[in-house]
Amino acid sequence: MTLREFIFESNVIEGITRMPTAAEQRAYLKFLALDKITIGDLREFVAVCEPGAALRNHVGMNVHVGKHRCPAGGPSIAKELWLLLSFNFYGASPFGIHTRYERLHPFTDCNGR
């Protein structure tokens, strides 16, 4: 599977059926090459892949996904995201890490990518 196909498939899961842009492809390449991910890295990636989506670090920035009620927006979101990114996940399953990220749903959109 090529990167372009991977991004297309990821976008389709989010309901986006157009082909990925060159900027999205560059953002994915840059993101996938990171040794360690920071909140700034995530913000940069989200800004390209979902312009307008924001880190839910202010009170009132609440979202829900289907029946799941994500934690309320506010400063605790950034703290929980920092803990998730800082934790040593040696031996942890990628699915478990992804599930924790999805449950936190730190951004207003683009979390699945």
PDB file of N, CA and C in Angstrom:
ATOM      1  N   MET A   1       0.846  -1.173   0.000  1.00  0.00           N
ATOM      2  CA  MET A   1       0.000   0.000   0.000  1.00  0.00           C
ATOM      3  C   MET A   1       0.893   1.238   0.000  1.00  0.00           C
ATOM      4  N   THR A   2       0.603   2.167  -0.866  1.00  0.00           N
ATOM      5  CA  THR A   2       1.366   3.407  -0.922  1.00  0.00           C
ATOM      6  C   THR A   2       0.885   4.368   0.167  1.00  0.00           C
ATOM      7  N   LEU A   3       1.687   5.391   0.439  1.00  0.00           N
ATOM      8  CA  LEU A   3       1.297   6.400   1.417  1.00  0.00           C
ATOM      9  C   LEU A   3      -0.004   7.067   0.988  1.00  0.00           C
ATOM     10  N   ARG A   4      -0.114   7.359  -0.282  1.00  0.00           N
ATOM     11  CA  ARG A   4      -1.323   8.017  -0.799  1.00  0.00           C
ATOM     12  C   ARG A   4      -2.566   7.151  -0.554  1.00  0.00           C
ATOM     13  N   GLU A   5      -2.432   5.852  -0.785  1.00  0.00           N
ATOM     14  CA  GLU A   5      -3.549   4.930  -0.548  1.00  0.00           C
ATOM     15  C   GLU A   5      -3.880   4.857   0.944  1.00  0.00           C
ATOM     16  N   PHE A   6      -2.830   4.834   1.780  1.00  0.00           N
ATOM     17  CA  PHE A   6      -3.021   4.798   3.231  1.00  0.00           C
ATOM     18  C   PHE A   6      -3.794   6.033   3.709  1.00  0.00           C
ATOM     19  N   ILE A   7      -3.386   7.205   3.235  1.00  0.00           N
ATOM     20  CA  ILE A   7      -4.053   8.443   3.637  1.00  0.00           C
ATOM     21  C   ILE A   7      -5.489   8.446   3.133  1.00  0.00           C
ATOM     22  N   PHE A   8      -5.687   8.010   1.893  1.00  0.00           N
ATOM     23  CA  PHE A   8      -7.040   7.953   1.336  1.00  0.00           C
ATOM     24  C   PHE A   8      -7.935   7.073   2.210  1.00  0.00           C
ATOM     25  N   GLU A   9      -7.438   5.902   2.570  1.00  0.00           N
ATOM     26  CA  GLU A   9      -8.210   4.976   3.405  1.00  0.00           C
ATOM     27  C   GLU A   9      -8.495   5.584   4.773  1.00  0.00           C
ATOM     28  N   SER A  10      -7.506   6.235   5.354  1.00  0.00           N
ATOM     29  CA  SER A  10      -7.683   6.899   6.643  1.00  0.00           C
ATOM     30  C   SER A  10      -8.735   8.005   6.538  1.00  0.00           C
ATOM     31  N   ASN A  11      -8.688   8.764   5.457  1.00  0.00           N
ATOM     32  CA  ASN A  11      -9.658   9.830   5.251  1.00  0.00           C
ATOM     33  C   ASN A  11     -11.072   9.277   5.066  1.00  0.00           C
ATOM     34  N   VAL A  12     -11.202   8.172   4.336  1.00  0.00           N
ATOM     35  CA  VAL A  12     -12.519   7.572   4.099  1.00  0.00           C
ATOM     36  C   VAL A  12     -13.170   7.186   5.429  1.00  0.00           C
ATOM     37  N   ILE A  13     -12.374   6.667   6.356  1.00  0.00           N
ATOM     38  CA  ILE A  13     -12.897   6.324   7.682  1.00  0.00           C
ATOM     39  C   ILE A  13     -13.502   7.557   8.349  1.00  0.00           C
ATOM     40  N   GLU A  14     -12.928   8.719   8.062  1.00  0.00           N
ATOM     41  CA  GLU A  14     -13.421   9.983   8.626  1.00  0.00           C
ATOM     42  C   GLU A  14     -14.505  10.627   7.753  1.00  0.00           C
ATOM     43  N   GLY A  15     -14.909   9.944   6.668  1.00  0.00           N
ATOM     44  CA  GLY A  15     -15.958  10.469   5.792  1.00  0.00           C
ATOM     45  C   GLY A  15     -15.456  11.393   4.700  1.00  0.00           C
ATOM     46  N   ILE A  16     -14.147  11.411   4.476  1.00  0.00           N
ATOM     47  CA  ILE A  16     -13.544  12.270   3.445  1.00  0.00           C
ATOM     48  C   ILE A  16     -13.188  11.374   2.257  1.00  0.00           C
ATOM     49  N   THR A  17     -13.830  11.599   1.122  1.00  0.00           N
ATOM     50  CA  THR A  17     -13.658  10.681  -0.008  1.00  0.00           C
ATOM     51  C   THR A  17     -12.797  11.239  -1.138  1.00  0.00           C
ATOM     52  N   ARG A  18     -12.225  12.402  -0.970  1.00  0.00           N
ATOM     53  CA  ARG A  18     -11.326  12.953  -1.996  1.00  0.00           C
ATOM     54  C   ARG A  18      -9.931  12.355  -1.827  1.00  0.00           C
ATOM     55  N   MET A  19      -9.126  12.482  -2.882  1.00  0.00           N
ATOM     56  CA  MET A  19      -7.741  12.017  -2.797  1.00  0.00           C
ATOM     57  C   MET A  19      -6.955  12.973  -1.895  1.00  0.00           C
ATOM     58  N   PRO A  20      -5.935  12.464  -1.191  1.00  0.00           N
ATOM     59  CA  PRO A  20      -5.144  13.321  -0.296  1.00  0.00           C
ATOM     60  C   PRO A  20      -4.380  14.398  -1.062  1.00  0.00           C
ATOM     61  N   THR A  21      -4.248  15.540  -0.425  1.00  0.00           N
ATOM     62  CA  THR A  21      -3.500  16.641  -1.031  1.00  0.00           C
ATOM     63  C   THR A  21      -1.996  16.405  -0.851  1.00  0.00           C
ATOM     64  N   ALA A  22      -1.209  17.148  -1.607  1.00  0.00           N
ATOM     65  CA  ALA A  22       0.251  17.070  -1.465  1.00  0.00           C
ATOM     66  C   ALA A  22       0.662  17.513  -0.058  1.00  0.00           C
ATOM     67  N   ALA A  23      -0.014  18.529   0.485  1.00  0.00           N
ATOM     68  CA  ALA A  23       0.303  19.000   1.841  1.00  0.00           C
ATOM     69  C   ALA A  23       0.020  17.913   2.878  1.00  0.00           C
ATOM     70  N   GLU A  24      -1.062  17.182   2.706  1.00  0.00           N
ATOM     71  CA  GLU A  24      -1.375  16.089   3.634  1.00  0.00           C
ATOM     72  C   GLU A  24      -0.310  14.992   3.546  1.00  0.00           C
ATOM     73  N   GLN A  25       0.110  14.683   2.346  1.00  0.00           N
ATOM     74  CA  GLN A  25       1.135  13.656   2.177  1.00  0.00           C
ATOM     75  C   GLN A  25       2.443  14.073   2.841  1.00  0.00           C
ATOM     76  N   ARG A  26       2.821  15.338   2.687  1.00  0.00           N
ATOM     77  CA  ARG A  26       4.030  15.835   3.351  1.00  0.00           C
ATOM     78  C   ARG A  26       3.877  15.784   4.871  1.00  0.00           C
ATOM     79  N   ALA A  27       2.694  16.156   5.365  1.00  0.00           N
ATOM     80  CA  ALA A  27       2.443  16.146   6.813  1.00  0.00           C
ATOM     81  C   ALA A  27       2.543  14.726   7.365  1.00  0.00           C
ATOM     82  N   TYR A  28       1.985  13.763   6.652  1.00  0.00           N
ATOM     83  CA  TYR A  28       2.079  12.365   7.092  1.00  0.00           C
ATOM     84  C   TYR A  28       3.525  11.898   7.106  1.00  0.00           C
ATOM     85  N   LEU A  29       4.278  12.197   6.044  1.00  0.00           N
ATOM     86  CA  LEU A  29       5.680  11.772   5.995  1.00  0.00           C
ATOM     87  C   LEU A  29       6.471  12.352   7.156  1.00  0.00           C
ATOM     88  N   LYS A  30       6.265  13.631   7.419  1.00  0.00           N
ATOM     89  CA  LYS A  30       6.964  14.285   8.519  1.00  0.00           C
ATOM     90  C   LYS A  30       6.563  13.659   9.856  1.00  0.00           C
ATOM     91  N   PHE A  31       5.273  13.437  10.040  1.00  0.00           N
ATOM     92  CA  PHE A  31       4.773  12.881  11.291  1.00  0.00           C
ATOM     93  C   PHE A  31       5.270  11.453  11.514  1.00  0.00           C
ATOM     94  N   LEU A  32       5.217  10.638  10.479  1.00  0.00           N
ATOM     95  CA  LEU A  32       5.641   9.246  10.597  1.00  0.00           C
ATOM     96  C   LEU A  32       7.139   9.109  10.839  1.00  0.00           C
ATOM     97  N   ALA A  33       7.916  10.135  10.500  1.00  0.00           N
ATOM     98  CA  ALA A  33       9.367  10.097  10.696  1.00  0.00           C
ATOM     99  C   ALA A  33       9.786  10.523  12.108  1.00  0.00           C
ATOM    100  N   LEU A  34       8.848  11.002  12.911  1.00  0.00           N
ATOM    101  CA  LEU A  34       9.192  11.481  14.250  1.00  0.00           C
ATOM    102  C   LEU A  34       9.611  10.333  15.164  1.00  0.00           C
ATOM    103  N   ASP A  35      10.656  10.576  15.945  1.00  0.00           N
ATOM    104  CA  ASP A  35      11.069   9.606  16.954  1.00  0.00           C
ATOM    105  C   ASP A  35      10.210   9.743  18.208  1.00  0.00           C
ATOM    106  N   LYS A  36       9.838  10.976  18.512  1.00  0.00           N
ATOM    107  CA  LYS A  36       9.004  11.270  19.670  1.00  0.00           C
ATOM    108  C   LYS A  36       7.981  12.307  19.238  1.00  0.00           C
ATOM    109  N   ILE A  37       6.751  12.145  19.684  1.00  0.00           N
ATOM    110  CA  ILE A  37       5.674  13.040  19.278  1.00  0.00           C
ATOM    111  C   ILE A  37       5.359  13.999  20.423  1.00  0.00           C
ATOM    112  N   THR A  38       5.243  15.276  20.090  1.00  0.00           N
ATOM    113  CA  THR A  38       4.874  16.290  21.075  1.00  0.00           C
ATOM    114  C   THR A  38       3.474  16.822  20.750  1.00  0.00           C
ATOM    115  N   ILE A  39       2.911  17.562  21.677  1.00  0.00           N
ATOM    116  CA  ILE A  39       1.618  18.198  21.412  1.00  0.00           C
ATOM    117  C   ILE A  39       1.750  19.153  20.228  1.00  0.00           C
ATOM    118  N   GLY A  40       2.869  19.851  20.135  1.00  0.00           N
ATOM    119  CA  GLY A  40       3.103  20.744  18.998  1.00  0.00           C
ATOM    120  C   GLY A  40       3.114  19.995  17.675  1.00  0.00           C
ATOM    121  N   ASP A  41       3.720  18.810  17.662  1.00  0.00           N
ATOM    122  CA  ASP A  41       3.723  17.988  16.444  1.00  0.00           C
ATOM    123  C   ASP A  41       2.297  17.618  16.043  1.00  0.00           C
ATOM    124  N   LEU A  42       1.499  17.225  17.030  1.00  0.00           N
ATOM    125  CA  LEU A  42       0.108  16.865  16.743  1.00  0.00           C
ATOM    126  C   LEU A  42      -0.678  18.068  16.235  1.00  0.00           C
ATOM    127  N   ARG A  43      -0.466  19.220  16.859  1.00  0.00           N
ATOM    128  CA  ARG A  43      -1.170  20.434  16.412  1.00  0.00           C
ATOM    129  C   ARG A  43      -0.813  20.767  14.963  1.00  0.00           C
ATOM    130  N   GLU A  44       0.454  20.644  14.635  1.00  0.00           N
ATOM    131  CA  GLU A  44       0.908  20.924  13.267  1.00  0.00           C
ATOM    132  C   GLU A  44       0.267  19.952  12.274  1.00  0.00           C
ATOM    133  N   PHE A  45       0.236  18.668  12.622  1.00  0.00           N
ATOM    134  CA  PHE A  45      -0.355  17.655  11.757  1.00  0.00           C
ATOM    135  C   PHE A  45      -1.857  17.914  11.569  1.00  0.00           C
ATOM    136  N   VAL A  46      -2.552  18.165  12.663  1.00  0.00           N
ATOM    137  CA  VAL A  46      -3.988  18.407  12.600  1.00  0.00           C
ATOM    138  C   VAL A  46      -4.295  19.664  11.782  1.00  0.00           C
ATOM    139  N   ALA A  47      -3.480  20.696  11.906  1.00  0.00           N
ATOM    140  CA  ALA A  47      -3.710  21.940  11.163  1.00  0.00           C
ATOM    141  C   ALA A  47      -3.693  21.708   9.659  1.00  0.00           C
ATOM    142  N   VAL A  48      -2.887  20.757   9.201  1.00  0.00           N
ATOM    143  CA  VAL A  48      -2.830  20.448   7.774  1.00  0.00           C
ATOM    144  C   VAL A  48      -3.989  19.530   7.375  1.00  0.00           C
ATOM    145  N   CYS A  49      -4.226  18.505   8.159  1.00  0.00           N
ATOM    146  CA  CYS A  49      -5.205  17.476   7.795  1.00  0.00           C
ATOM    147  C   CYS A  49      -6.645  17.862   8.099  1.00  0.00           C
ATOM    148  N   GLU A  50      -6.848  18.755   9.032  1.00  0.00           N
ATOM    149  CA  GLU A  50      -8.202  19.206   9.387  1.00  0.00           C
ATOM    150  C   GLU A  50      -8.139  20.665   9.815  1.00  0.00           C
ATOM    151  N   PRO A  51      -7.966  21.576   8.833  1.00  0.00           N
ATOM    152  CA  PRO A  51      -7.878  23.000   9.171  1.00  0.00           C
ATOM    153  C   PRO A  51      -9.076  23.438  10.011  1.00  0.00           C
ATOM    154  N   GLY A  52      -8.797  24.166  11.056  1.00  0.00           N
ATOM    155  CA  GLY A  52      -9.854  24.645  11.936  1.00  0.00           C
ATOM    156  C   GLY A  52     -10.057  23.787  13.177  1.00  0.00           C
ATOM    157  N   ALA A  53      -9.582  22.545  13.141  1.00  0.00           N
ATOM    158  CA  ALA A  53      -9.693  21.707  14.338  1.00  0.00           C
ATOM    159  C   ALA A  53      -8.712  22.227  15.386  1.00  0.00           C
ATOM    160  N   ALA A  54      -9.115  22.153  16.641  1.00  0.00           N
ATOM    161  CA  ALA A  54      -8.296  22.731  17.709  1.00  0.00           C
ATOM    162  C   ALA A  54      -8.149  21.760  18.873  1.00  0.00           C
ATOM    163  N   LEU A  55      -7.065  21.929  19.602  1.00  0.00           N
ATOM    164  CA  LEU A  55      -6.875  21.197  20.848  1.00  0.00           C
ATOM    165  C   LEU A  55      -7.967  21.660  21.816  1.00  0.00           C
ATOM    166  N   ARG A  56      -8.625  20.738  22.449  1.00  0.00           N
ATOM    167  CA  ARG A  56      -9.765  21.058  23.320  1.00  0.00           C
ATOM    168  C   ARG A  56      -9.301  21.470  24.718  1.00  0.00           C
ATOM    169  N   ASN A  57      -8.410  22.434  24.783  1.00  0.00           N
ATOM    170  CA  ASN A  57      -7.800  22.816  26.059  1.00  0.00           C
ATOM    171  C   ASN A  57      -8.501  23.974  26.763  1.00  0.00           C
ATOM    172  N   HIS A  58      -9.675  24.345  26.299  1.00  0.00           N
ATOM    173  CA  HIS A  58     -10.447  25.403  26.955  1.00  0.00           C
ATOM    174  C   HIS A  58     -11.780  24.838  27.438  1.00  0.00           C
ATOM    175  N   VAL A  59     -12.231  25.320  28.570  1.00  0.00           N
ATOM    176  CA  VAL A  59     -13.520  24.897  29.117  1.00  0.00           C
ATOM    177  C   VAL A  59     -14.603  25.163  28.071  1.00  0.00           C
ATOM    178  N   GLY A  60     -15.480  24.197  27.920  1.00  0.00           N
ATOM    179  CA  GLY A  60     -16.576  24.323  26.964  1.00  0.00           C
ATOM    180  C   GLY A  60     -16.299  23.681  25.616  1.00  0.00           C
ATOM    181  N   MET A  61     -15.056  23.283  25.374  1.00  0.00           N
ATOM    182  CA  MET A  61     -14.722  22.638  24.094  1.00  0.00           C
ATOM    183  C   MET A  61     -15.017  21.137  24.227  1.00  0.00           C
ATOM    184  N   ASN A  62     -16.306  20.829  24.346  1.00  0.00           N
ATOM    185  CA  ASN A  62     -16.731  19.455  24.567  1.00  0.00           C
ATOM    186  C   ASN A  62     -17.156  18.810  23.255  1.00  0.00           C
ATOM    187  N   VAL A  63     -16.908  17.529  23.131  1.00  0.00           N
ATOM    188  CA  VAL A  63     -17.325  16.759  21.964  1.00  0.00           C
ATOM    189  C   VAL A  63     -17.817  15.402  22.435  1.00  0.00           C
ATOM    190  N   HIS A  64     -18.579  14.757  21.569  1.00  0.00           N
ATOM    191  CA  HIS A  64     -18.922  13.356  21.796  1.00  0.00           C
ATOM    192  C   HIS A  64     -18.831  12.638  20.461  1.00  0.00           C
ATOM    193  N   VAL A  65     -18.532  11.372  20.532  1.00  0.00           N
ATOM    194  CA  VAL A  65     -18.377  10.550  19.338  1.00  0.00           C
ATOM    195  C   VAL A  65     -19.355   9.396  19.480  1.00  0.00           C
ATOM    196  N   GLY A  66     -20.404   9.436  18.687  1.00  0.00           N
ATOM    197  CA  GLY A  66     -21.433   8.419  18.841  1.00  0.00           C
ATOM    198  C   GLY A  66     -21.998   8.486  20.250  1.00  0.00           C
ATOM    199  N   LYS A  67     -21.983   7.362  20.938  1.00  0.00           N
ATOM    200  CA  LYS A  67     -22.483   7.309  22.311  1.00  0.00           C
ATOM    201  C   LYS A  67     -21.398   7.635  23.335  1.00  0.00           C
ATOM    202  N   HIS A  68     -20.142   7.723  22.885  1.00  0.00           N
ATOM    203  CA  HIS A  68     -19.023   8.011  23.804  1.00  0.00           C
ATOM    204  C   HIS A  68     -19.006   9.483  24.180  1.00  0.00           C
ATOM    205  N   ARG A  69     -18.988   9.748  25.456  1.00  0.00           N
ATOM    206  CA  ARG A  69     -18.831  11.112  25.964  1.00  0.00           C
ATOM    207  C   ARG A  69     -17.372  11.303  26.323  1.00  0.00           C
ATOM    208  N   CYS A  70     -16.697  12.098  25.553  1.00  0.00           N
ATOM    209  CA  CYS A  70     -15.277  12.371  25.793  1.00  0.00           C
ATOM    210  C   CYS A  70     -15.133  13.225  27.045  1.00  0.00           C
ATOM    211  N   PRO A  71     -13.960  13.208  27.678  1.00  0.00           N
ATOM    212  CA  PRO A  71     -13.749  14.098  28.826  1.00  0.00           C
ATOM    213  C   PRO A  71     -14.041  15.548  28.429  1.00  0.00           C
ATOM    214  N   ALA A  72     -14.539  16.310  29.376  1.00  0.00           N
ATOM    215  CA  ALA A  72     -14.863  17.710  29.119  1.00  0.00           C
ATOM    216  C   ALA A  72     -13.627  18.488  28.693  1.00  0.00           C
ATOM    217  N   GLY A  73     -13.830  19.425  27.774  1.00  0.00           N
ATOM    218  CA  GLY A  73     -12.732  20.272  27.334  1.00  0.00           C
ATOM    219  C   GLY A  73     -12.221  21.138  28.472  1.00  0.00           C
ATOM    220  N   GLY A  74     -10.937  21.437  28.434  1.00  0.00           N
ATOM    221  CA  GLY A  74     -10.324  22.275  29.456  1.00  0.00           C
ATOM    222  C   GLY A  74      -8.853  21.945  29.576  1.00  0.00           C
ATOM    223  N   PRO A  75      -8.159  22.589  30.498  1.00  0.00           N
ATOM    224  CA  PRO A  75      -6.720  22.371  30.651  1.00  0.00           C
ATOM    225  C   PRO A  75      -6.335  20.917  30.902  1.00  0.00           C
ATOM    226  N   SER A  76      -7.244  20.121  31.459  1.00  0.00           N
ATOM    227  CA  SER A  76      -6.913  18.720  31.737  1.00  0.00           C
ATOM    228  C   SER A  76      -6.684  17.928  30.455  1.00  0.00           C
ATOM    229  N   ILE A  77      -7.261  18.357  29.342  1.00  0.00           N
ATOM    230  CA  ILE A  77      -7.068  17.647  28.063  1.00  0.00           C
ATOM    231  C   ILE A  77      -5.597  17.705  27.665  1.00  0.00           C
ATOM    232  N   ALA A  78      -5.004  18.888  27.697  1.00  0.00           N
ATOM    233  CA  ALA A  78      -3.588  19.031  27.338  1.00  0.00           C
ATOM    234  C   ALA A  78      -2.710  18.239  28.303  1.00  0.00           C
ATOM    235  N   LYS A  79      -3.067  18.251  29.585  1.00  0.00           N
ATOM    236  CA  LYS A  79      -2.290  17.506  30.575  1.00  0.00           C
ATOM    237  C   LYS A  79      -2.361  16.006  30.296  1.00  0.00           C
ATOM    238  N   GLU A  80      -3.552  15.491  30.038  1.00  0.00           N
ATOM    239  CA  GLU A  80      -3.718  14.063  29.745  1.00  0.00           C
ATOM    240  C   GLU A  80      -3.005  13.683  28.443  1.00  0.00           C
ATOM    241  N   LEU A  81      -3.060  14.559  27.455  1.00  0.00           N
ATOM    242  CA  LEU A  81      -2.370  14.289  26.196  1.00  0.00           C
ATOM    243  C   LEU A  81      -0.865  14.271  26.422  1.00  0.00           C
ATOM    244  N   TRP A  82      -0.367  15.218  27.196  1.00  0.00           N
ATOM    245  CA  TRP A  82       1.066  15.245  27.499  1.00  0.00           C
ATOM    246  C   TRP A  82       1.481  13.952  28.201  1.00  0.00           C
ATOM    247  N   LEU A  83       0.679  13.503  29.159  1.00  0.00           N
ATOM    248  CA  LEU A  83       0.985  12.250  29.867  1.00  0.00           C
ATOM    249  C   LEU A  83       0.987  11.071  28.894  1.00  0.00           C
ATOM    250  N   LEU A  84       0.022  11.038  28.004  1.00  0.00           N
ATOM    251  CA  LEU A  84      -0.048   9.964  27.013  1.00  0.00           C
ATOM    252  C   LEU A  84       1.197   9.960  26.122  1.00  0.00           C
ATOM    253  N   LEU A  85       1.614  11.131  25.686  1.00  0.00           N
ATOM    254  CA  LEU A  85       2.785  11.227  24.804  1.00  0.00           C
ATOM    255  C   LEU A  85       4.096  11.017  25.554  1.00  0.00           C
ATOM    256  N   SER A  86       4.116  11.292  26.837  1.00  0.00           N
ATOM    257  CA  SER A  86       5.344  11.185  27.622  1.00  0.00           C
ATOM    258  C   SER A  86       5.567   9.808  28.220  1.00  0.00           C
ATOM    259  N   PHE A  87       4.527   9.026  28.289  1.00  0.00           N
ATOM    260  CA  PHE A  87       4.603   7.722  28.946  1.00  0.00           C
ATOM    261  C   PHE A  87       5.493   6.779  28.149  1.00  0.00           C
ATOM    262  N   ASN A  88       6.253   5.967  28.844  1.00  0.00           N
ATOM    263  CA  ASN A  88       7.091   4.961  28.184  1.00  0.00           C
ATOM    264  C   ASN A  88       6.212   3.757  27.856  1.00  0.00           C
ATOM    265  N   PHE A  89       5.920   3.564  26.587  1.00  0.00           N
ATOM    266  CA  PHE A  89       5.000   2.517  26.163  1.00  0.00           C
ATOM    267  C   PHE A  89       5.701   1.240  25.739  1.00  0.00           C
ATOM    268  N   TYR A  90       6.887   1.008  26.256  1.00  0.00           N
ATOM    269  CA  TYR A  90       7.605  -0.215  25.918  1.00  0.00           C
ATOM    270  C   TYR A  90       6.725  -1.421  26.240  1.00  0.00           C
ATOM    271  N   GLY A  91       6.423  -2.202  25.248  1.00  0.00           N
ATOM    272  CA  GLY A  91       5.605  -3.392  25.428  1.00  0.00           C
ATOM    273  C   GLY A  91       4.110  -3.151  25.333  1.00  0.00           C
ATOM    274  N   ALA A  92       3.686  -1.879  25.277  1.00  0.00           N
ATOM    275  CA  ALA A  92       2.255  -1.592  25.156  1.00  0.00           C
ATOM    276  C   ALA A  92       1.802  -1.839  23.723  1.00  0.00           C
ATOM    277  N   SER A  93       0.577  -2.252  23.562  1.00  0.00           N
ATOM    278  CA  SER A  93       0.072  -2.508  22.215  1.00  0.00           C
ATOM    279  C   SER A  93      -0.285  -1.188  21.531  1.00  0.00           C
ATOM    280  N   PRO A  94      -0.007  -1.070  20.246  1.00  0.00           N
ATOM    281  CA  PRO A  94      -0.417   0.133  19.513  1.00  0.00           C
ATOM    282  C   PRO A  94      -1.928   0.358  19.602  1.00  0.00           C
ATOM    283  N   PHE A  95      -2.691  -0.727  19.606  1.00  0.00           N
ATOM    284  CA  PHE A  95      -4.148  -0.603  19.719  1.00  0.00           C
ATOM    285  C   PHE A  95      -4.522   0.036  21.057  1.00  0.00           C
ATOM    286  N   GLY A  96      -3.873  -0.388  22.132  1.00  0.00           N
ATOM    287  CA  GLY A  96      -4.164   0.173  23.450  1.00  0.00           C
ATOM    288  C   GLY A  96      -3.853   1.658  23.525  1.00  0.00           C
ATOM    289  N   ILE A  97      -2.737   2.044  22.953  1.00  0.00           N
ATOM    290  CA  ILE A  97      -2.350   3.458  22.944  1.00  0.00           C
ATOM    291  C   ILE A  97      -3.345   4.259  22.114  1.00  0.00           C
ATOM    292  N   HIS A  98      -3.692   3.731  20.940  1.00  0.00           N
ATOM    293  CA  HIS A  98      -4.647   4.406  20.063  1.00  0.00           C
ATOM    294  C   HIS A  98      -6.009   4.542  20.748  1.00  0.00           C
ATOM    295  N   THR A  99      -6.441   3.492  21.416  1.00  0.00           N
ATOM    296  CA  THR A  99      -7.730   3.522  22.112  1.00  0.00           C
ATOM    297  C   THR A  99      -7.729   4.598  23.191  1.00  0.00           C
ATOM    298  N   ARG A 100      -6.654   4.705  23.931  1.00  0.00           N
ATOM    299  CA  ARG A 100      -6.553   5.733  24.975  1.00  0.00           C
ATOM    300  C   ARG A 100      -6.623   7.134  24.355  1.00  0.00           C
ATOM    301  N   TYR A 101      -5.932   7.320  23.238  1.00  0.00           N
ATOM    302  CA  TYR A 101      -5.949   8.602  22.532  1.00  0.00           C
ATOM    303  C   TYR A 101      -7.363   8.920  22.034  1.00  0.00           C
ATOM    304  N   GLU A 102      -8.009   7.930  21.427  1.00  0.00           N
ATOM    305  CA  GLU A 102      -9.356   8.140  20.893  1.00  0.00           C
ATOM    306  C   GLU A 102     -10.355   8.464  21.999  1.00  0.00           C
ATOM    307  N   ARG A 103     -10.235   7.813  23.137  1.00  0.00           N
ATOM    308  CA  ARG A 103     -11.150   8.094  24.251  1.00  0.00           C
ATOM    309  C   ARG A 103     -10.953   9.505  24.784  1.00  0.00           C
ATOM    310  N   LEU A 104      -9.720   9.963  24.797  1.00  0.00           N
ATOM    311  CA  LEU A 104      -9.431  11.336  25.219  1.00  0.00           C
ATOM    312  C   LEU A 104      -9.975  12.326  24.198  1.00  0.00           C
ATOM    313  N   HIS A 105      -9.864  11.985  22.921  1.00  0.00           N
ATOM    314  CA  HIS A 105     -10.327  12.830  21.810  1.00  0.00           C
ATOM    315  C   HIS A 105      -9.861  14.271  22.024  1.00  0.00           C
ATOM    316  N   PRO A 106      -8.520  14.474  22.011  1.00  0.00           N
ATOM    317  CA  PRO A 106      -7.981  15.782  22.397  1.00  0.00           C
ATOM    318  C   PRO A 106      -8.271  16.931  21.433  1.00  0.00           C
ATOM    319  N   PHE A 107      -8.596  16.626  20.182  1.00  0.00           N
ATOM    320  CA  PHE A 107      -8.866  17.690  19.218  1.00  0.00           C
ATOM    321  C   PHE A 107     -10.344  17.694  18.852  1.00  0.00           C
ATOM    322  N   THR A 108     -10.821  18.828  18.378  1.00  0.00           N
ATOM    323  CA  THR A 108     -12.226  18.935  18.005  1.00  0.00           C
ATOM    324  C   THR A 108     -12.549  18.078  16.797  1.00  0.00           C
ATOM    325  N   ASP A 109     -11.539  17.743  16.003  1.00  0.00           N
ATOM    326  CA  ASP A 109     -11.707  16.847  14.863  1.00  0.00           C
ATOM    327  C   ASP A 109     -10.318  16.341  14.460  1.00  0.00           C
ATOM    328  N   CYS A 110     -10.265  15.320  13.624  1.00  0.00           N
ATOM    329  CA  CYS A 110      -9.029  14.754  13.071  1.00  0.00           C
ATOM    330  C   CYS A 110      -8.368  13.760  14.016  1.00  0.00           C
ATOM    331  N   ASN A 111      -9.024  13.312  15.048  1.00  0.00           N
ATOM    332  CA  ASN A 111      -8.415  12.401  16.011  1.00  0.00           C
ATOM    333  C   ASN A 111      -8.157  11.016  15.446  1.00  0.00           C
ATOM    334  N   GLY A 112      -8.987  10.556  14.539  1.00  0.00           N
ATOM    335  CA  GLY A 112      -8.824   9.219  13.989  1.00  0.00           C
ATOM    336  C   GLY A 112      -7.648   9.075  13.058  1.00  0.00           C
ATOM    337  N   ARG A 113      -7.160  10.165  12.539  1.00  0.00           N
ATOM    338  CA  ARG A 113      -6.030  10.087  11.629  1.00  0.00           C
ATOM    339  C   ARG A 113      -4.749  10.221  12.394  1.00  0.00           C
TER     340      ARG A 113
END
